[in-house]
Amino acid sequence: MHGVAGTLMLRAIERAGFPAPHVVPAQAEPDPDFPTVSFPNPEEPGALDLALAEARRLDADLVLASDPDGDRLAVAVPDPSAEGGWRALTGDQVGALLGAFILDATEPGPDPAHRLVVSTIVSSTLLSRIAAAAGVRYAETLTGFKWIVRAGEHLDGCRFAYGYEEALGYAVGVVVRDKDGIGAALALLSLARAARAAGQSLLDRWDALEAAHGVHLRASLTVPTRCPGQIMAGLRARPPAALGGQPVAGMDDLAGGGDLPPSDVLIFRLDGARAVVRPSGTEPKLKAYLEVIEPAGPGGLAAARRAAAARLAPLRAAVSDLLLGPGAPAGR
């Protein structure tokens, strides 16, 4: 997307034996002014608009987009039920899809439990369930790839296989010990090819993951505030007894460290749900990451997804009230 990584991406795709992709002409060449987007991060609203328009025109199979330096990867797929006929997958969806595919496609070695997959405290917990079902090790780290790629350094016999964070960052194997959109693109294309050979789409693969491991519905909140530290201190002193009508079963305070380096993070755990709250590291904001897990029961995925959405809405409202409500410090 207006950057230097495009040539490398195309070269890698060619050397991996995939057909040459169609490139969005207006975004193909490096341009430090990034003229077609307000900010050249494929997470940003509107960043994929030109690519999706080209995909509709070409009746394409898949959209891949990376930022100018090629470290993130966005994915969009055809979906007749979505507005405009295309759906952008979330970072957690791509993260789980790639994790499951890599565990299926890579050599387990003499002991499958020596393989390690990693995600972060603000990412979905679905990868942990995929890992448990595959009999491999799983680790959860603080945000940032400096933590993700080092997660197995103090675990005897572990072999890092894959790690991701929800902000469209993925590390496939150990060749690049950082988030790498080019390596992730090759893995995603391999997954799409394998799914096509089995008569499936990426959405079919996602449905299979949720059917096996439960619906993992997520949402995030960003709350501007001039006093994030004061609000975090108030939450520690007076943690909520319930959120969204569900009792809080426990609170993990990462300021005390434990298995992770000390960090200003609170994790509120509920039955089949959790809320992670932390200050932004760069701006005067608080961020909350919410997840609701709903097993796919006799009613099937559609019913489980409706139930998860019905639980997530009051949880989101309750966390918003917690961070912005009458009890929050003045000056927010």
Protein backbone atom coordinates (compact mmCIF):
# COMPACT_ATOMS: atom_id res chain seq x y z
CA MET A 1 0.00 0.00 0.00
CA HIS A 2 2.14 2.89 -1.39
CA GLY A 3 5.29 1.31 0.04
CA VAL A 4 8.52 -0.51 -0.61
CA ALA A 5 7.21 -3.96 0.31
CA GLY A 6 5.14 -4.47 -2.83
CA THR A 7 8.02 -5.65 -5.02
CA LEU A 8 9.19 -8.10 -2.35
CA MET A 9 5.65 -9.41 -1.87
CA LEU A 10 5.21 -10.06 -5.60
CA ARG A 11 8.62 -11.73 -5.83
CA ALA A 12 7.82 -13.99 -2.88
CA ILE A 13 4.43 -14.97 -4.33
CA GLU A 14 6.05 -15.83 -7.66
CA ARG A 15 8.85 -17.88 -6.10
CA ALA A 16 6.31 -19.79 -4.00
CA GLY A 17 4.58 -20.88 -7.21
CA PHE A 18 1.34 -18.94 -6.94
CA PRO A 19 -0.20 -17.10 -9.87
CA ALA A 20 0.66 -13.41 -10.09
CA PRO A 21 -2.00 -11.39 -8.26
CA HIS A 22 -3.78 -8.40 -9.69
CA VAL A 23 -2.32 -5.25 -8.13
CA VAL A 24 -4.35 -2.12 -7.37
CA PRO A 25 -2.66 0.35 -9.76
CA ALA A 26 -3.26 3.49 -7.68
CA GLN A 27 -1.57 1.94 -4.63
CA ALA A 28 1.17 -0.14 -6.23
CA GLU A 29 4.09 2.32 -6.28
CA PRO A 30 5.92 3.75 -3.26
CA ASP A 31 4.65 7.21 -2.40
CA PRO A 32 5.40 8.82 0.97
CA ASP A 33 2.28 11.00 0.66
CA PHE A 34 0.01 7.90 0.68
CA PRO A 35 -2.46 9.73 -1.59
CA THR A 36 -5.31 7.17 -1.60
CA VAL A 37 -5.64 6.64 2.16
CA SER A 38 -5.75 8.80 5.26
CA PHE A 39 -3.26 6.42 6.92
CA PRO A 40 -1.62 3.44 5.16
CA ASN A 41 -2.49 0.80 7.72
CA PRO A 42 -4.84 -1.89 6.37
CA GLU A 43 -6.63 -1.88 9.74
CA GLU A 44 -7.89 1.67 9.16
CA PRO A 45 -11.48 2.19 7.97
CA GLY A 46 -11.52 2.80 4.22
CA ALA A 47 -7.98 1.54 3.61
CA LEU A 48 -9.26 -1.48 1.66
CA ASP A 49 -11.87 0.41 -0.38
CA LEU A 50 -9.89 0.49 -3.64
CA ALA A 51 -8.86 -3.15 -3.32
CA LEU A 52 -12.44 -4.25 -2.64
CA ALA A 53 -13.72 -2.25 -5.61
CA GLU A 54 -11.15 -4.00 -7.83
CA ALA A 55 -12.09 -7.37 -6.33
CA ARG A 56 -15.76 -6.82 -7.19
CA ARG A 57 -14.85 -5.72 -10.71
CA LEU A 58 -12.63 -8.76 -11.29
CA ASP A 59 -14.83 -11.27 -9.44
CA ALA A 60 -11.71 -12.09 -7.44
CA ASP A 61 -11.21 -14.94 -4.97
CA LEU A 62 -9.31 -13.12 -2.27
CA VAL A 63 -7.97 -9.72 -1.23
CA LEU A 64 -4.62 -9.36 0.54
CA ALA A 65 -3.32 -5.98 1.67
CA SER A 66 -0.20 -4.94 3.51
CA ASP A 67 1.14 -1.70 4.87
CA PRO A 68 4.07 0.08 3.17
CA ASP A 69 6.80 -1.83 5.05
CA GLY A 70 5.04 -5.18 4.67
CA ASP A 71 4.77 -6.20 8.32
CA ARG A 72 0.96 -6.41 8.59
CA LEU A 73 -1.50 -8.41 6.51
CA ALA A 74 -5.22 -7.76 5.95
CA VAL A 75 -7.48 -10.36 4.34
CA ALA A 76 -10.91 -9.99 2.76
CA VAL A 77 -13.09 -12.71 1.28
CA PRO A 78 -16.28 -12.89 -0.78
CA ASP A 79 -19.38 -13.04 1.38
CA PRO A 80 -22.82 -12.57 -0.22
CA SER A 81 -24.32 -11.69 3.17
CA ALA A 82 -21.92 -8.77 3.74
CA GLU A 83 -22.41 -5.23 2.52
CA GLY A 84 -20.85 -4.95 -0.92
CA GLY A 85 -20.42 -8.73 -1.13
CA TRP A 86 -17.06 -8.79 0.66
CA ARG A 87 -16.01 -9.21 4.26
CA ALA A 88 -12.70 -8.16 5.82
CA LEU A 89 -11.58 -10.81 8.29
CA THR A 90 -10.45 -9.65 11.71
CA GLY A 91 -6.91 -10.15 12.90
CA ASP A 92 -8.16 -12.76 15.34
CA GLN A 93 -9.93 -14.68 12.57
CA VAL A 94 -6.83 -14.72 10.38
CA GLY A 95 -4.72 -15.52 13.45
CA ALA A 96 -6.79 -18.58 14.33
CA LEU A 97 -7.10 -19.76 10.71
CA LEU A 98 -3.35 -19.57 10.16
CA GLY A 99 -2.59 -21.18 13.51
CA ALA A 100 -4.80 -24.17 12.81
CA PHE A 101 -3.45 -24.53 9.27
CA ILE A 102 0.20 -24.31 10.33
CA LEU A 103 -0.29 -26.95 13.02
CA ASP A 104 -1.93 -29.24 10.45
CA ALA A 105 0.65 -28.58 7.74
CA THR A 106 3.94 -28.67 9.64
CA GLU A 107 5.91 -31.67 10.81
CA PRO A 108 5.11 -32.35 14.49
CA GLY A 109 8.46 -34.03 15.17
CA PRO A 110 8.93 -36.82 17.69
CA ASP A 111 6.93 -34.94 20.34
CA PRO A 112 4.08 -32.70 19.10
CA ALA A 113 4.02 -30.96 22.49
CA HIS A 114 7.38 -29.38 21.68
CA ARG A 115 5.73 -27.06 19.14
CA LEU A 116 4.69 -23.68 20.51
CA VAL A 117 2.05 -21.24 19.32
CA VAL A 118 1.67 -17.80 20.86
CA SER A 119 -0.80 -14.94 21.06
CA THR A 120 -1.20 -11.96 23.36
CA ILE A 121 -3.30 -11.01 26.36
CA VAL A 122 -5.47 -8.74 24.18
CA SER A 123 -6.01 -11.30 21.40
CA SER A 124 -8.68 -13.99 21.22
CA THR A 125 -8.29 -17.09 23.34
CA LEU A 126 -9.35 -19.30 20.42
CA LEU A 127 -5.74 -20.16 19.51
CA SER A 128 -5.27 -21.64 23.00
CA ARG A 129 -8.14 -24.05 22.37
CA ILE A 130 -6.79 -24.98 18.93
CA ALA A 131 -3.41 -25.68 20.53
CA ALA A 132 -4.92 -27.80 23.30
CA ALA A 133 -6.84 -29.89 20.76
CA ALA A 134 -3.65 -30.41 18.74
CA GLY A 135 -1.61 -31.33 21.81
CA VAL A 136 0.90 -28.50 21.36
CA ARG A 137 2.08 -25.84 23.79
CA TYR A 138 0.53 -22.41 23.97
CA ALA A 139 1.81 -19.20 25.52
CA GLU A 140 0.16 -15.83 26.09
CA THR A 141 2.36 -12.72 26.16
CA LEU A 142 2.15 -8.98 26.49
CA THR A 143 1.44 -7.07 23.29
CA GLY A 144 4.30 -6.71 20.85
CA PHE A 145 6.40 -9.12 18.83
CA LYS A 146 9.44 -8.61 21.04
CA TRP A 147 7.47 -10.72 23.51
CA ILE A 148 5.74 -13.08 21.07
CA VAL A 149 8.86 -14.40 19.32
CA ARG A 150 10.71 -14.83 22.63
CA ALA A 151 7.91 -16.71 24.38
CA GLY A 152 9.64 -20.09 24.19
CA GLU A 153 13.15 -19.00 25.17
CA HIS A 154 12.77 -20.23 28.75
CA LEU A 155 10.62 -23.27 27.98
CA ASP A 156 12.68 -26.44 27.66
CA GLY A 157 12.44 -28.20 24.32
CA CYS A 158 9.99 -25.76 22.76
CA ARG A 159 10.06 -25.01 19.06
CA PHE A 160 8.32 -21.77 18.05
CA ALA A 161 5.87 -22.53 15.24
CA TYR A 162 3.62 -19.50 15.04
CA GLY A 163 2.52 -16.35 16.82
CA TYR A 164 0.13 -13.49 16.21
CA GLU A 165 -1.52 -10.42 17.67
CA GLU A 166 -4.96 -9.11 16.79
CA ALA A 167 -3.60 -5.94 15.11
CA LEU A 168 -2.97 -7.87 11.85
CA GLY A 169 0.49 -9.06 12.89
CA TYR A 170 1.69 -12.65 12.30
CA ALA A 171 4.99 -14.55 12.62
CA VAL A 172 5.16 -17.84 10.74
CA GLY A 173 8.11 -19.95 11.83
CA VAL A 174 11.49 -18.56 12.91
CA VAL A 175 12.96 -17.15 9.69
CA VAL A 176 11.65 -13.65 10.53
CA ARG A 177 11.52 -13.05 14.27
CA ASP A 178 9.01 -10.22 14.00
CA LYS A 179 5.61 -9.58 12.49
CA ASP A 180 5.90 -10.38 8.80
CA GLY A 181 3.12 -9.70 6.34
CA ILE A 182 4.95 -11.37 3.45
CA GLY A 183 5.46 -14.70 5.20
CA ALA A 184 1.89 -14.53 6.48
CA ALA A 185 0.62 -13.87 2.94
CA LEU A 186 2.35 -17.01 1.64
CA ALA A 187 0.87 -19.07 4.48
CA LEU A 188 -2.58 -17.58 3.84
CA LEU A 189 -2.35 -18.38 0.13
CA SER A 190 -1.34 -21.95 0.99
CA LEU A 191 -4.35 -22.20 3.30
CA ALA A 192 -6.69 -20.81 0.64
CA ARG A 193 -5.31 -23.27 -1.93
CA ALA A 194 -5.75 -26.22 0.44
CA ALA A 195 -9.29 -25.12 1.27
CA ARG A 196 -10.16 -24.74 -2.42
CA ALA A 197 -8.82 -28.22 -3.15
CA ALA A 198 -11.18 -29.56 -0.47
CA GLY A 199 -14.13 -27.64 -1.92
CA GLN A 200 -14.09 -25.10 0.91
CA SER A 201 -13.71 -21.38 1.39
CA LEU A 202 -11.89 -19.57 4.17
CA LEU A 203 -15.29 -18.86 5.73
CA ASP A 204 -15.99 -22.60 5.71
CA ARG A 205 -12.73 -23.13 7.57
CA TRP A 206 -13.71 -20.44 10.08
CA ASP A 207 -17.10 -22.08 10.64
CA ALA A 208 -15.34 -25.39 11.31
CA LEU A 209 -13.09 -23.78 13.93
CA GLU A 210 -16.02 -22.22 15.78
CA ALA A 211 -18.06 -25.42 15.54
CA ALA A 212 -15.18 -27.33 17.14
CA HIS A 213 -14.01 -24.80 19.72
CA GLY A 214 -16.92 -22.43 20.32
CA VAL A 215 -17.88 -19.00 19.05
CA HIS A 216 -15.30 -16.45 20.17
CA LEU A 217 -16.94 -13.04 19.72
CA ARG A 218 -14.81 -10.00 20.40
CA ALA A 219 -15.14 -6.24 20.63
CA SER A 220 -12.87 -3.41 21.68
CA LEU A 221 -13.38 0.00 23.27
CA THR A 222 -11.15 3.07 23.26
CA VAL A 223 -11.83 5.70 25.90
CA PRO A 224 -9.99 9.05 25.71
CA THR A 225 -8.96 10.27 29.16
CA ARG A 226 -6.48 12.69 30.70
CA CYS A 227 -6.04 10.48 33.74
CA PRO A 228 -5.68 6.82 32.72
CA GLY A 229 -3.47 6.04 35.71
CA GLN A 230 -6.06 7.38 38.14
CA ILE A 231 -8.81 5.31 36.54
CA MET A 232 -6.66 2.16 36.63
CA ALA A 233 -5.89 2.79 40.30
CA GLY A 234 -9.61 3.16 41.00
CA LEU A 235 -10.34 -0.16 39.30
CA ARG A 236 -7.69 -1.87 41.40
CA ALA A 237 -9.06 -0.38 44.60
CA ARG A 238 -12.72 -1.02 43.75
CA PRO A 239 -12.97 -3.84 41.20
CA PRO A 240 -16.48 -4.51 39.88
CA ALA A 241 -18.41 -7.42 41.34
CA ALA A 242 -20.29 -7.94 38.08
CA LEU A 243 -20.16 -6.82 34.45
CA GLY A 244 -23.08 -6.97 32.07
CA GLY A 245 -25.17 -8.97 34.48
CA GLN A 246 -22.47 -11.62 34.95
CA PRO A 247 -20.47 -11.99 38.17
CA VAL A 248 -16.77 -11.28 37.93
CA ALA A 249 -15.08 -14.52 38.94
CA GLY A 250 -11.66 -12.98 39.36
CA MET A 251 -9.29 -10.17 38.45
CA ASP A 252 -5.69 -10.61 37.28
CA ASP A 253 -3.48 -7.60 37.94
CA LEU A 254 -0.41 -7.81 35.71
CA ALA A 255 1.27 -4.93 37.52
CA GLY A 256 2.52 -7.56 39.92
CA GLY A 257 4.19 -9.48 37.13
CA GLY A 258 3.76 -13.19 37.80
CA ASP A 259 4.43 -15.23 34.66
CA LEU A 260 4.65 -12.03 32.58
CA PRO A 261 6.76 -8.89 32.95
CA PRO A 262 4.97 -6.29 35.11
CA SER A 263 2.50 -4.28 33.06
CA ASP A 264 -0.36 -1.88 33.77
CA VAL A 265 -3.08 -4.34 32.72
CA LEU A 266 -6.19 -5.68 34.44
CA ILE A 267 -8.01 -8.80 33.26
CA PHE A 268 -11.54 -9.35 34.56
CA ARG A 269 -12.59 -12.97 34.17
CA LEU A 270 -16.22 -14.04 33.90
CA ASP A 271 -17.86 -17.36 33.11
CA GLY A 272 -17.18 -17.77 29.40
CA ALA A 273 -16.01 -14.19 28.96
CA ARG A 274 -13.25 -11.76 29.84
CA ALA A 275 -12.44 -8.05 29.67
CA VAL A 276 -8.86 -6.78 29.42
CA VAL A 277 -8.24 -3.12 30.31
CA ARG A 278 -4.99 -1.22 29.82
CA PRO A 279 -3.81 2.32 29.10
CA SER A 280 -2.55 3.12 25.61
CA GLY A 281 1.20 3.16 25.46
CA THR A 282 1.31 6.22 23.19
CA GLU A 283 -1.87 8.27 23.70
CA PRO A 284 -4.05 9.51 26.62
CA LYS A 285 -6.54 6.67 26.26
CA LEU A 286 -7.76 3.53 27.96
CA LYS A 287 -8.35 0.45 25.86
CA ALA A 288 -10.61 -2.48 26.65
CA TYR A 289 -10.67 -5.81 24.82
CA LEU A 290 -13.76 -7.95 25.34
CA GLU A 291 -14.41 -11.57 24.48
CA VAL A 292 -17.44 -13.81 24.90
CA ILE A 293 -17.22 -17.56 24.28
CA GLU A 294 -20.34 -19.53 23.42
CA PRO A 295 -20.25 -23.28 22.69
CA ALA A 296 -21.89 -24.40 19.47
CA GLY A 297 -24.73 -26.47 20.90
CA PRO A 298 -27.64 -28.34 19.32
CA GLY A 299 -28.90 -25.12 17.73
CA GLY A 300 -25.76 -24.85 15.63
CA LEU A 301 -23.45 -21.96 14.89
CA ALA A 302 -26.17 -19.45 14.04
CA ALA A 303 -27.80 -19.87 17.44
CA ALA A 304 -24.43 -19.75 19.23
CA ARG A 305 -23.48 -16.56 17.42
CA ARG A 306 -26.78 -14.94 18.38
CA ALA A 307 -26.30 -15.98 21.98
CA ALA A 308 -22.75 -14.61 22.01
CA ALA A 309 -23.91 -11.30 20.57
CA ALA A 310 -26.66 -11.09 23.19
CA ARG A 311 -24.06 -11.54 25.94
CA LEU A 312 -21.48 -9.22 24.43
CA ALA A 313 -23.76 -6.18 24.15
CA PRO A 314 -24.39 -5.76 27.91
CA LEU A 315 -20.75 -6.58 28.68
CA ARG A 316 -19.61 -3.82 26.34
CA ALA A 317 -22.05 -1.35 27.86
CA ALA A 318 -20.96 -2.27 31.38
CA VAL A 319 -17.25 -1.85 30.63
CA SER A 320 -17.96 1.46 28.93
CA ASP A 321 -19.86 2.61 32.02
CA LEU A 322 -17.05 1.36 34.23
CA LEU A 323 -14.49 3.50 32.41
CA LEU A 324 -16.68 6.54 31.73
CA GLY A 325 -19.46 6.39 34.30
CA PRO A 326 -20.16 8.45 37.40
CA GLY A 327 -17.52 6.64 39.42
CA ALA A 328 -14.70 7.54 37.04
CA PRO A 329 -12.39 10.33 38.22
CA ALA A 330 -13.12 13.89 37.21
CA GLY A 331 -11.17 15.33 34.31
CA ARG A 332 -11.59 12.34 32.05
